Protein backbone atom coordinates (compact mmCIF):
# COMPACT_ATOMS: atom_id res chain seq x y z
CA MET A 1 0.94 -34.69 -9.71
CA ASP A 2 0.58 -32.56 -6.57
CA ILE A 3 3.91 -30.80 -7.34
CA ILE A 4 2.68 -30.00 -10.89
CA LEU A 5 -0.64 -28.68 -9.56
CA ASN A 6 1.21 -26.60 -6.90
CA LEU A 7 3.56 -25.07 -9.54
CA LEU A 8 0.53 -24.33 -11.87
CA HIS A 9 -1.27 -22.61 -8.91
CA GLN A 10 1.84 -20.55 -8.02
CA GLY A 11 2.24 -19.58 -11.69
CA PHE A 12 -1.37 -18.62 -12.05
CA SER A 13 -1.40 -16.59 -8.79
CA ALA A 14 1.63 -14.71 -10.06
CA ILE A 15 0.32 -14.08 -13.59
CA VAL A 16 -3.04 -12.72 -12.64
CA PRO A 17 -1.89 -9.75 -10.57
CA PHE A 18 0.62 -8.92 -13.31
CA VAL A 19 -1.97 -8.97 -16.04
CA VAL A 20 -4.44 -6.95 -13.95
CA LEU A 21 -1.85 -4.32 -13.10
CA LEU A 22 -0.38 -4.03 -16.63
CA GLY A 23 -3.83 -4.21 -18.31
CA ILE A 24 -5.24 -1.34 -16.26
CA LEU A 25 -2.10 0.84 -16.80
CA ILE A 26 -2.06 0.11 -20.57
CA PHE A 27 -5.85 0.87 -20.82
CA VAL A 28 -5.37 4.16 -19.01
CA HIS A 29 -2.54 5.22 -21.27
CA GLU A 30 -4.28 4.26 -24.50
CA LEU A 31 -7.50 5.82 -23.23
CA GLY A 32 -5.72 9.14 -23.02
CA HIS A 33 -4.72 9.02 -26.70
CA PHE A 34 -8.20 7.79 -27.67
CA LEU A 35 -10.16 10.45 -25.86
CA VAL A 36 -8.10 13.35 -27.02
CA ALA A 37 -8.03 12.00 -30.62
CA ILE A 38 -11.83 11.80 -30.62
CA TRP A 39 -12.00 15.30 -29.13
CA CYS A 40 -9.78 16.57 -31.90
CA GLY A 41 -11.97 14.94 -34.54
CA VAL A 42 -9.59 12.12 -35.47
CA ARG A 43 -11.20 8.89 -36.64
CA VAL A 44 -9.98 6.04 -34.30
CA GLU A 45 -9.95 2.73 -36.22
CA VAL A 46 -8.78 0.35 -33.55
CA PHE A 47 -8.44 0.53 -29.74
CA SER A 48 -6.52 -2.61 -28.64
CA LEU A 49 -5.22 -3.91 -25.37
CA GLY A 50 -2.34 -6.17 -26.16
CA PHE A 51 -0.58 -7.07 -29.34
CA GLY A 52 -0.79 -9.91 -31.85
CA LYS A 53 -3.85 -12.09 -32.57
CA LYS A 54 -7.14 -10.73 -31.42
CA ILE A 55 -8.94 -13.03 -29.02
CA PHE A 56 -11.99 -10.74 -28.54
CA LYS A 57 -13.25 -7.79 -30.47
CA PHE A 58 -16.34 -5.83 -31.26
CA THR A 59 -17.08 -2.76 -33.37
CA ARG A 60 -18.94 0.35 -32.24
CA GLY A 61 -19.27 3.29 -34.52
CA GLU A 62 -16.05 3.67 -36.52
CA THR A 63 -13.86 1.97 -33.94
CA THR A 64 -13.05 -1.73 -33.42
CA TYR A 65 -12.29 -2.47 -29.74
CA ALA A 66 -10.06 -5.53 -29.28
CA LEU A 67 -8.34 -7.67 -26.72
CA SER A 68 -5.22 -9.20 -28.11
CA ILE A 69 -3.28 -12.26 -27.02
CA ILE A 70 0.05 -10.64 -25.86
CA PRO A 71 -0.78 -8.46 -22.79
CA LEU A 72 2.48 -6.42 -22.90
CA GLY A 73 1.20 -3.19 -24.45
CA GLY A 74 -1.58 -1.74 -26.46
CA TYR A 75 -2.32 0.69 -29.21
CA VAL A 76 -4.74 3.13 -30.72
CA LYS A 77 -4.78 3.07 -34.45
CA MET A 78 -5.76 6.39 -35.86
CA PHE A 79 -6.90 7.04 -39.45
CA GLY A 80 -4.15 8.54 -41.55
CA GLU A 81 -1.45 8.38 -38.87
CA GLN A 82 1.26 7.08 -41.24
CA PRO A 83 2.86 9.99 -43.08
CA GLY A 84 2.63 9.69 -46.82
CA THR A 85 -0.71 7.83 -46.81
CA SER A 86 -3.04 8.74 -49.58
CA ILE A 87 -6.10 10.40 -48.22
CA SER A 88 -9.04 11.86 -50.06
CA ASP A 89 -9.94 15.55 -49.55
CA GLU A 90 -13.17 14.49 -47.95
CA ASP A 91 -11.45 12.38 -45.32
CA LYS A 92 -8.62 14.65 -44.51
CA LYS A 93 -10.54 16.28 -41.68
CA PHE A 94 -10.58 12.93 -39.89
CA ALA A 95 -6.90 12.13 -40.48
CA PHE A 96 -4.32 12.41 -37.67
CA THR A 97 -1.62 13.69 -40.00
CA HIS A 98 -3.77 16.49 -41.25
CA LYS A 99 -4.51 17.96 -37.82
CA ASN A 100 -2.53 20.95 -36.83
CA VAL A 101 0.63 20.38 -34.85
CA TRP A 102 -0.86 21.49 -31.56
CA GLN A 103 -3.65 18.93 -31.88
CA ARG A 104 -1.19 16.22 -32.67
CA VAL A 105 0.96 17.23 -29.62
CA ALA A 106 -2.13 17.07 -27.41
CA ILE A 107 -3.07 13.56 -28.75
CA VAL A 108 0.49 12.20 -28.18
CA LEU A 109 0.91 13.85 -24.83
CA ALA A 110 -2.45 12.57 -23.57
CA GLY A 111 -1.24 9.08 -22.98
CA PRO A 112 1.61 9.93 -20.55
CA ILE A 113 -0.51 12.62 -18.80
CA MET A 114 -3.21 10.02 -18.23
CA ASN A 115 -0.64 7.84 -16.48
CA PHE A 116 0.43 10.80 -14.34
CA LEU A 117 -3.21 11.74 -13.41
CA PHE A 118 -4.07 8.00 -12.75
CA ALA A 119 -1.20 7.76 -10.28
CA ILE A 120 -2.64 10.78 -8.44
CA LEU A 121 -6.01 9.03 -8.35
CA VAL A 122 -4.50 5.76 -7.05
CA PHE A 123 -2.42 7.54 -4.36
CA PHE A 124 -5.59 9.41 -3.45
CA THR A 125 -7.41 6.09 -3.03
CA VAL A 126 -4.55 4.77 -0.89
CA ALA A 127 -4.63 7.79 1.36
CA MET A 128 -8.40 7.30 1.83
CA ILE A 129 -8.31 3.57 2.59
CA GLY A 130 -5.09 3.88 4.66
CA GLU A 131 -1.55 2.89 4.17
CA ASP A 132 1.12 1.38 6.54
CA ALA A 133 3.87 3.75 7.60
CA ARG A 134 6.72 3.32 9.98
CA THR A 135 6.07 4.66 13.44
CA PRO A 136 8.45 7.49 14.73
CA VAL A 137 9.83 5.16 17.36
CA LEU A 138 13.62 4.87 17.81
CA GLY A 139 15.41 1.62 17.56
CA ASP A 140 18.63 0.71 19.39
CA ILE A 141 20.58 3.84 20.27
CA ALA A 142 24.22 3.10 20.67
CA ALA A 143 25.77 4.31 23.93
CA ASP A 144 28.70 5.87 22.09
CA SER A 145 26.57 7.83 19.57
CA SER A 146 25.79 11.50 19.35
CA ALA A 147 22.11 10.72 19.67
CA TYR A 148 22.73 9.01 23.04
CA SER A 149 24.86 11.88 24.32
CA ALA A 150 22.01 14.30 23.39
CA GLY A 151 19.60 12.30 25.56
CA PHE A 152 17.84 9.94 23.08
CA ARG A 153 17.26 6.44 24.29
CA SER A 154 16.14 3.15 22.68
CA GLY A 155 12.36 2.94 22.28
CA ASP A 156 11.85 6.71 22.44
CA LYS A 157 8.85 7.93 20.46
CA LEU A 158 9.12 11.26 18.54
CA ILE A 159 6.06 13.44 19.23
CA SER A 160 7.11 16.59 17.42
CA VAL A 161 10.12 18.29 15.79
CA ASN A 162 10.38 22.04 15.73
CA ASP A 163 6.68 22.25 16.68
CA LEU A 164 5.71 20.01 13.83
CA LYS A 165 3.65 17.01 14.99
CA ILE A 166 5.20 13.75 13.81
CA GLN A 167 2.97 10.75 13.02
CA THR A 168 5.43 8.67 10.93
CA TRP A 169 9.19 8.19 10.51
CA GLU A 170 8.91 9.41 6.89
CA GLU A 171 7.48 12.81 8.17
CA PHE A 172 10.58 13.12 10.40
CA GLN A 173 12.92 12.40 7.48
CA LYS A 174 11.24 15.14 5.46
CA VAL A 175 12.16 17.60 8.19
CA LEU A 176 15.82 16.57 7.69
CA ASN A 177 15.85 17.09 3.93
CA GLN A 178 17.41 20.32 2.76
CA LYS A 179 18.88 21.92 -0.38
CA ASN A 180 21.72 23.70 1.36
CA GLY A 181 24.57 22.56 3.56
CA ASN A 182 23.66 24.40 6.74
CA ASP A 183 23.43 22.73 10.16
CA VAL A 184 19.92 22.76 11.65
CA ASN A 185 18.73 23.32 15.17
CA LEU A 186 16.14 20.67 16.02
CA ASN A 187 13.89 20.86 19.04
CA PHE A 188 12.35 17.44 19.88
CA VAL A 189 9.41 16.53 22.06
CA LEU A 190 9.55 12.83 22.86
CA GLN A 191 8.16 10.09 25.06
CA HIS A 192 10.45 7.62 26.64
CA GLU A 193 9.60 3.87 26.33
CA GLY A 194 7.38 2.69 29.14
CA SER A 195 6.46 6.21 30.24
CA THR A 196 3.62 8.59 29.54
CA ASP A 197 5.67 11.67 30.38
CA GLN A 198 7.10 13.82 27.63
CA SER A 199 10.46 15.45 27.57
CA LYS A 200 12.30 18.03 25.42
CA ILE A 201 15.69 17.69 23.72
CA SER A 202 17.45 20.30 21.59
CA VAL A 203 20.25 19.22 19.31
CA VAL A 204 22.21 20.64 16.34
CA ALA A 205 21.87 18.31 13.39
CA LYS A 206 24.96 18.36 11.07
CA ALA A 207 24.33 18.80 7.39
CA GLU A 208 25.64 15.94 5.30
CA VAL A 209 25.56 15.01 1.62
CA ASN A 210 22.26 13.16 1.09
CA PRO A 211 23.05 9.38 0.73
CA ASN A 212 19.79 9.04 -1.30
CA ILE A 213 21.06 9.85 -4.76
CA LEU A 214 17.56 9.86 -6.19
CA SER A 215 16.42 12.74 -3.89
CA MET A 216 16.06 16.23 -5.17
CA TYR A 217 17.63 17.36 -1.92
CA SER A 218 21.43 17.62 -2.08
CA HIS A 219 21.86 17.54 1.79
CA VAL A 220 20.22 16.01 4.82
CA ALA A 221 20.50 16.98 8.44
CA ASN A 222 21.69 14.19 10.60
CA VAL A 223 21.94 13.19 14.23
CA PRO A 224 24.28 10.24 14.23
CA GLY A 225 22.80 7.25 15.99
CA LEU A 226 19.15 7.99 15.37
CA THR A 227 17.60 4.95 13.82
CA THR A 228 14.45 2.84 13.79
CA MET A 229 16.48 -0.42 13.47
CA ALA A 230 16.58 -2.63 16.55
CA ALA A 231 18.01 -6.06 17.26
CA GLY A 232 15.41 -8.83 17.59
CA THR A 233 15.28 -11.90 19.73
CA THR A 234 16.75 -14.55 17.40
CA ILE A 235 19.37 -16.35 19.48
CA GLY A 236 22.65 -18.17 19.12
CA LEU A 237 23.01 -20.97 21.59
CA ASP A 238 26.03 -22.60 23.39
CA GLU A 239 25.46 -26.32 22.92
CA LYS A 240 26.63 -26.88 26.47
CA SER A 241 23.60 -24.94 27.73
CA ARG A 242 20.84 -26.85 29.52
CA LEU A 243 18.40 -25.11 27.12
CA TYR A 244 20.01 -27.08 24.22
CA ALA A 245 19.10 -30.32 25.97
CA MET A 246 15.54 -28.95 26.41
CA GLY A 247 15.19 -28.48 22.64
CA LEU A 248 16.25 -24.79 22.10
CA ARG A 249 18.44 -24.29 18.92
CA THR A 250 20.48 -21.51 17.31
CA GLY A 251 18.23 -19.57 15.02
CA ASP A 252 15.15 -19.80 17.26
CA THR A 253 13.40 -16.53 18.06
CA ILE A 254 12.12 -16.00 21.64
CA THR A 255 8.62 -14.54 21.66
CA SER A 256 7.88 -14.60 25.43
CA ILE A 257 9.55 -15.48 28.69
CA ASN A 258 7.32 -16.88 31.39
CA GLY A 259 4.27 -15.21 29.71
CA HIS A 260 5.99 -11.81 29.26
CA ARG A 261 6.10 -10.81 25.55
CA VAL A 262 9.61 -9.83 24.29
CA THR A 263 10.24 -8.14 21.03
CA TYR A 264 13.66 -6.61 21.24
CA TRP A 265 17.08 -8.00 22.31
CA ARG A 266 17.24 -5.22 24.89
CA ASP A 267 14.14 -6.73 26.49
CA LEU A 268 15.65 -10.17 27.22
CA ASN A 269 18.05 -9.49 30.11
CA THR A 270 15.57 -7.07 31.71
CA THR A 271 12.81 -9.66 31.59
CA LEU A 272 15.05 -12.50 32.78
CA ALA A 273 16.28 -10.49 35.71
CA LYS A 274 12.71 -10.20 37.01
CA ILE A 275 12.22 -14.00 37.25
CA ASP A 276 13.32 -15.85 40.43
CA PRO A 277 15.84 -18.53 39.58
CA LYS A 278 13.82 -20.86 41.80
CA GLU A 279 11.00 -20.59 39.33
CA VAL A 280 10.59 -22.75 36.21
CA LEU A 281 11.83 -20.92 33.13
CA SER A 282 9.44 -21.12 30.22
CA LEU A 283 10.36 -19.82 26.76
CA GLU A 284 7.99 -19.53 23.82
CA ILE A 285 9.87 -19.61 20.57
CA LEU A 286 9.43 -19.64 16.80
CA GLY A 287 11.99 -21.67 14.95
CA ILE A 288 12.76 -24.14 12.14
CA ARG A 289 12.54 -27.87 12.73
CA GLU A 290 13.32 -30.46 10.08
CA GLY A 291 13.53 -27.80 7.36
CA ASP A 292 10.01 -26.40 8.01
CA LYS A 293 9.26 -23.07 9.70
CA VAL A 294 7.16 -23.52 12.86
CA GLU A 295 4.16 -21.18 12.59
CA LYS A 296 2.93 -21.75 16.12
CA PRO A 297 5.18 -21.05 19.13
CA LEU A 298 6.89 -23.98 20.72
CA THR A 299 7.34 -24.02 24.51
CA ILE A 300 10.78 -24.82 26.00
CA THR A 301 10.69 -25.41 29.76
CA MET A 302 13.65 -25.55 32.03
CA SER A 303 13.39 -26.59 35.72
CA PRO A 304 14.95 -24.33 38.43
CA ASP A 305 18.79 -24.42 38.68
CA ASP A 306 20.06 -24.14 42.19
CA SER A 307 23.53 -23.11 40.87
CA LEU A 308 22.12 -19.92 39.29
CA LYS A 309 21.79 -16.77 41.47
CA SER A 310 19.77 -15.17 38.66
CA TYR A 311 18.70 -15.71 35.07
CA SER A 312 20.64 -13.90 32.40
CA LEU A 313 21.59 -14.34 28.73
CA GLU A 314 25.16 -15.12 29.75
CA ASN A 315 24.50 -17.83 32.35
CA LEU A 316 21.85 -19.43 30.09
CA GLY A 317 24.28 -19.64 27.14
CA LEU A 318 22.43 -17.22 24.89
CA GLU A 319 23.76 -14.59 22.52
CA SER A 320 22.67 -12.76 19.39
CA SER A 321 22.58 -14.99 16.24
CA GLU A 322 24.32 -12.46 13.94
CA LEU A 323 27.77 -14.18 14.18
CA TYR A 324 26.31 -17.57 13.13
CA LEU A 325 26.26 -18.43 9.47
CA SER A 326 22.83 -18.90 7.77
CA LYS A 327 24.50 -19.63 4.40
CA VAL A 328 27.82 -20.50 2.75
CA MET A 329 27.68 -19.63 -0.90
CA GLU A 330 28.49 -22.33 -3.53
CA SER A 331 31.89 -22.08 -5.14
CA SER A 332 32.85 -19.27 -2.72
CA PRO A 333 36.20 -18.79 -0.86
CA ALA A 334 34.36 -19.72 2.36
CA GLU A 335 33.12 -23.06 0.88
CA ALA A 336 36.57 -23.85 -0.49
CA ALA A 337 38.19 -23.14 2.93
CA GLY A 338 35.69 -25.34 4.79
CA LEU A 339 33.23 -22.94 6.43
CA LYS A 340 29.90 -24.55 7.12
CA GLN A 341 26.30 -23.35 7.83
CA MET A 342 25.74 -22.64 11.49
CA ASP A 343 29.46 -22.13 12.20
CA ARG A 344 29.90 -19.42 14.90
CA LEU A 345 32.54 -16.80 13.85
CA VAL A 346 34.93 -16.15 16.67
CA SER A 347 37.81 -14.09 15.31
CA ILE A 348 39.46 -12.85 12.19
CA ASN A 349 43.26 -12.42 12.24
CA ASN A 350 43.07 -12.89 16.02
CA ILE A 351 40.67 -9.94 16.41
CA LYS A 352 37.64 -10.95 18.47
CA LEU A 353 34.37 -10.41 16.65
CA THR A 354 31.41 -8.90 18.52
CA LYS A 355 29.00 -8.00 15.72
CA TRP A 356 28.52 -8.66 12.03
CA GLU A 357 29.87 -5.23 11.06
CA ASP A 358 33.27 -6.41 12.46
CA VAL A 359 33.26 -9.29 10.05
CA ILE A 360 32.55 -7.02 6.97
CA ASN A 361 35.21 -4.43 8.04
CA ASN A 362 37.90 -7.04 8.55
CA ILE A 363 37.21 -8.75 5.24
CA LYS A 364 37.09 -5.48 3.39
CA SER A 365 40.52 -4.53 4.78
CA PHE A 366 42.13 -7.65 3.15
CA ASP A 367 45.53 -6.63 1.73
CA GLY A 368 45.16 -8.92 -1.34
CA LYS A 369 48.26 -10.94 -0.30
CA ASN A 370 48.15 -13.02 2.89
CA PRO A 371 45.22 -15.36 3.53
CA VAL A 372 42.79 -14.37 6.28
CA SER A 373 42.84 -16.46 9.50
CA ILE A 374 39.31 -17.19 10.69
CA SER A 375 38.42 -19.04 13.87
CA VAL A 376 34.92 -20.62 14.20
CA LEU A 377 33.10 -22.57 16.84
CA ARG A 378 31.77 -25.87 15.55
CA ASP A 379 30.57 -28.84 17.43
CA LYS A 380 31.83 -27.33 20.73
CA LYS A 381 35.40 -26.99 19.26
CA ILE A 382 37.37 -24.09 17.89
CA VAL A 383 38.32 -24.66 14.22
CA ASP A 384 41.00 -22.55 12.58
CA LEU A 385 40.78 -21.87 8.81
CA LYS A 386 42.67 -19.89 6.17
CA ILE A 387 40.62 -17.98 3.60
CA THR A 388 41.64 -15.85 0.64
CA PRO A 389 38.87 -13.26 0.01
CA LYS A 390 37.82 -12.59 -3.62
CA MET A 391 37.23 -9.21 -5.14
CA THR A 392 33.53 -8.99 -6.04
CA THR A 393 31.10 -6.33 -7.20
CA GLN A 394 28.34 -5.64 -4.60
CA MET A 395 25.24 -3.55 -5.01
CA THR A 396 25.02 -0.77 -2.43
CA PRO A 397 21.65 0.34 -0.78
CA GLY A 398 21.84 3.48 -2.99
CA GLY A 399 21.79 1.39 -6.21
CA SER A 400 25.50 1.91 -7.19
CA GLU A 401 28.11 -0.83 -7.48
CA GLU A 402 31.20 -1.09 -5.39
CA LYS A 403 34.10 -3.53 -5.59
CA ARG A 404 35.23 -5.08 -2.33
CA TYR A 405 36.62 -8.19 -0.95
CA THR A 406 34.11 -10.90 0.18
CA ILE A 407 34.27 -14.57 1.14
CA GLY A 408 30.63 -15.63 0.39
CA ILE A 409 28.87 -15.98 3.72
CA ALA A 410 25.59 -14.62 5.16
CA PRO A 411 24.63 -14.22 8.81
CA LEU A 412 21.63 -15.38 10.82
CA VAL A 413 20.08 -11.91 10.79
CA ASN A 414 18.75 -10.67 14.05
CA LEU A 415 16.52 -7.69 13.43
CA ALA A 416 13.18 -6.89 15.02
CA ALA A 417 10.25 -6.33 12.73
CA GLN A 418 9.55 -2.66 12.11
CA ASN A 419 6.53 -1.15 13.78
CA PHE A 420 3.89 0.34 11.47
CA VAL A 421 0.78 2.39 11.87
CA LEU A 422 -2.17 2.67 9.51
CA VAL A 423 -2.48 6.25 8.31
CA LYS A 424 -5.79 7.34 6.82
CA ILE A 425 -6.78 10.74 5.49
CA GLY A 426 -10.52 11.24 5.87
CA ASN A 427 -10.69 14.64 4.19
CA PRO A 428 -10.94 14.16 0.39
CA LEU A 429 -9.16 17.38 -0.44
CA LEU A 430 -6.27 16.54 1.84
CA ALA A 431 -6.18 13.01 0.35
CA LEU A 432 -6.05 14.42 -3.09
CA ALA A 433 -3.19 16.76 -2.10
CA ARG A 434 -1.42 13.70 -0.65
CA GLY A 435 -1.98 11.84 -3.87
CA ALA A 436 -0.52 14.73 -5.86
CA GLU A 437 2.40 15.05 -3.50
CA ARG A 438 3.26 11.26 -3.63
CA THR A 439 3.00 11.32 -7.50
CA TRP A 440 5.31 14.32 -7.76
CA ASP A 441 7.82 12.67 -5.36
CA VAL A 442 7.84 9.39 -7.35
CA SER A 443 8.14 11.37 -10.59
CA ILE A 444 11.25 13.18 -9.28
CA MET A 445 12.78 9.98 -8.13
CA THR A 446 12.10 8.37 -11.56
CA VAL A 447 13.59 11.20 -13.42
CA MET A 448 16.64 11.27 -11.14
CA SER A 449 17.11 7.54 -11.68
CA PHE A 450 17.60 8.20 -15.33
CA VAL A 451 19.87 11.07 -14.65
CA ARG A 452 21.99 8.97 -12.22
CA LEU A 453 22.08 6.15 -14.76
CA PHE A 454 23.61 8.51 -17.40
CA GLU A 455 26.02 9.83 -14.72
CA ALA A 456 26.99 6.25 -13.90
CA LYS A 457 26.07 6.89 -10.31
CA ILE A 458 23.77 3.99 -10.12
CA SER A 459 24.20 0.64 -11.82
CA PRO A 460 22.38 -0.26 -15.01
CA LYS A 461 21.76 -3.66 -13.32
CA ASN A 462 18.87 -1.94 -11.50
CA ILE A 463 16.91 -1.74 -14.78
CA GLY A 464 14.10 -4.29 -14.68
CA GLY A 465 11.75 -5.57 -17.28
CA VAL A 466 8.49 -7.45 -17.37
CA LEU A 467 9.62 -10.16 -15.03
CA SER A 468 10.56 -7.57 -12.32
CA ILE A 469 7.14 -5.96 -12.84
CA GLY A 470 5.44 -9.34 -12.60
CA GLN A 471 7.27 -10.22 -9.36
CA ALA A 472 6.48 -6.87 -7.82
CA ALA A 473 2.85 -7.20 -8.73
CA SER A 474 2.62 -10.75 -7.24
CA GLU A 475 4.39 -9.81 -4.02
CA THR A 476 2.44 -6.63 -3.35
CA PHE A 477 -0.83 -8.44 -4.21
CA LYS A 478 -0.07 -10.94 -1.46
CA MET A 479 0.65 -8.13 0.94
CA GLY A 480 -2.71 -6.44 0.53
CA LEU A 481 -4.73 -4.00 -1.53
CA SER A 482 -2.94 -0.81 -0.38
CA GLN A 483 0.44 -2.16 -1.30
CA PHE A 484 -0.69 -3.44 -4.63
CA LEU A 485 -2.28 -0.08 -5.53
CA GLN A 486 0.87 1.75 -4.49
CA MET A 487 2.95 -0.40 -6.79
CA MET A 488 0.46 0.30 -9.54
CA ALA A 489 0.82 4.05 -9.00
CA VAL A 490 4.61 3.82 -8.99
CA ILE A 491 4.67 1.86 -12.29
CA SER A 492 2.16 4.32 -13.74
CA VAL A 493 4.48 7.21 -13.01
CA ASN A 494 7.37 5.19 -14.48
CA LEU A 495 5.27 4.82 -17.69
CA PHE A 496 4.61 8.54 -17.62
CA VAL A 497 8.32 9.34 -17.47
CA LEU A 498 9.52 6.59 -19.80
CA ASN A 499 7.03 7.48 -22.64
CA LEU A 500 8.32 11.07 -22.48
CA LEU A 501 11.88 10.07 -23.19
CA PRO A 502 13.01 11.55 -26.56
CA ILE A 503 13.30 8.21 -28.21
CA PRO A 504 11.56 7.75 -31.63
CA VAL A 505 8.63 5.19 -31.47
CA LEU A 506 7.89 6.47 -27.95
CA ASP A 507 5.51 9.37 -27.32
CA GLY A 508 8.48 11.58 -26.36
CA GLY A 509 10.09 10.90 -29.71
CA HIS A 510 6.94 11.98 -31.55
CA LEU A 511 6.93 15.13 -29.47
CA VAL A 512 10.44 15.94 -30.58
CA PHE A 513 9.35 15.68 -34.22
CA TYR A 514 6.50 18.07 -33.56
CA ILE A 515 8.73 20.51 -31.67
CA VAL A 516 11.07 20.50 -34.69
CA GLU A 517 8.04 21.09 -36.93
CA ILE A 518 6.96 24.10 -34.78
CA ILE A 519 10.44 25.62 -34.90
CA LYS A 520 10.88 24.95 -38.71
CA GLY A 521 7.39 25.74 -39.68
CA ALA A 522 7.26 22.48 -41.59
CA PRO A 523 7.35 18.75 -40.64
CA LEU A 524 10.48 16.61 -40.95
CA SER A 525 10.93 14.73 -44.18
CA LEU A 526 9.43 11.26 -44.26
CA LYS A 527 12.82 9.72 -44.83
CA LYS A 528 14.31 11.38 -41.79
CA MET A 529 11.38 10.22 -39.62
CA GLU A 530 11.72 6.68 -40.90
CA ILE A 531 15.47 6.59 -40.08
CA ALA A 532 14.74 7.99 -36.62
CA GLN A 533 11.97 5.41 -36.03
CA GLN A 534 14.40 2.62 -36.99
CA VAL A 535 17.07 3.85 -34.66
CA GLY A 536 14.46 4.34 -31.85
CA MET A 537 13.14 0.78 -32.32
CA ALA A 538 16.62 -0.63 -32.11
CA LEU A 539 17.33 1.39 -28.92
CA LEU A 540 14.06 0.24 -27.40
CA MET A 541 14.54 -3.45 -28.32
CA SER A 542 18.11 -3.21 -26.86
CA LEU A 543 16.76 -1.79 -23.63
CA MET A 544 14.12 -4.46 -23.35
CA VAL A 545 16.59 -7.23 -24.02
CA PHE A 546 19.00 -5.78 -21.36
CA ALA A 547 16.15 -5.42 -18.77
CA LEU A 548 15.15 -9.05 -19.46
CA PHE A 549 18.70 -10.14 -18.99
CA ASN A 550 18.82 -8.38 -15.64
CA ASP A 551 15.61 -10.02 -14.65
CA PHE A 552 16.94 -13.46 -15.38
CA ALA A 553 20.25 -12.63 -13.61
CA ARG A 554 18.23 -11.62 -10.43
CA LEU A 555 15.98 -14.64 -10.79
CA PHE A 556 18.85 -17.07 -10.89
CA GLY A 557 20.99 -15.16 -8.38
CA LYS A 558 23.79 -14.39 -10.73
């Protein structure tokens, strides 16, 4: 009974945000049609949220306002909107089809435009109440990178670039965006981690093709090695270590050492080195015990070890968790070969592994012939296995698909949480400008996503339907008001663009009819419009079925 109640609660908590989000966006869209229709003197017979059987309705003036049982759309029924309807001379002035073409264009265009304007309003609200943004703090700067050679160090905070003050990482990325392929001189003012002093660095950023295929900028300036990503403190543990006997386990995350908070992997050895080996070593950790995540830190205490001259990761038997397996996929080559969860990858084809990237690169280079030799550490013993990778289709971060060899394993990820700062804009005019800017950026990305779909540069598997919207609404609602509102604004922009597509039955399709009418000087024949509507309906239904298929494929991990 408790399980059933829990499932009902989860379902209810997921459905409510979805209905709220979709209901508001549908109301806004239909309100646009309604208001402009009234303004043009068209009689509106029904204003409905949802389709199907009406569960609530009332009539005011000449309009019936209704709430229908299926909350996946809405409609405004206007008098005389069906071509060919017999209308008396007295009522023609109230009929949609008897309005001039520019009035009909305005009525049809009003719905999408309202979605666009509503997105500006929502992003304006978000700017006023504040939104989380990544801080301009650098992550781990590799010692062999161009960024390191230029003088950047892990934990540096960007203060300004080319005299432009930087508050967020996104602001820095905007500086790098460009429409040409020219290298760029960048002058940085930054603050090193643990210091209040500021220093200056000048570097030439090389122009590269923008990896973000949804951007309107063809190129981006790049300083190789600059990143906000940093390794966290999730550990892999040698079972021979004394800490294992004390209760520490692979997959645990160290949060403090002898009361000193640690966030990044780079902090661990520095903090350990400050502790006298004659002192008790006390580690606070978050981990998983008996299948449940431990929400409160556990304390692991190790008495002094006279054999140690100092504390370090190496002599305590600690390493990063990224070469330990968190999952072995069912029916995968890895499972067939005998790989198991929590195996520690040691080598592939006798090449020693030091990071997860080594694993991916070695598997990708499979020649398609000879099985791959993989050595793993399991129960304090080296186990040698033979695995034949399988060619699979993987989704890239850019949304395209690539075919490469995989074996069906996932690592114990060791990444520190990103740092965020709450950004508020107190000036209403600046907040409005921010709302317009965000709406424009999302509009460009949405349009480019359709363009890239037609160019086959992103996979159609990225198309989502009502389940994807519902999941996004539920997840962002849990995260907070700002995130939920941002998701609402993004979907509102998507509705704006989607409804303007030149597909009959959508607003964009009707606009095409009216544009043809303006050019010809006469409307299309009723038969041609009916055929176009049927084709449009077939296309739209096919798209909805395909999107729903993608939703179920993602839901069940196919």
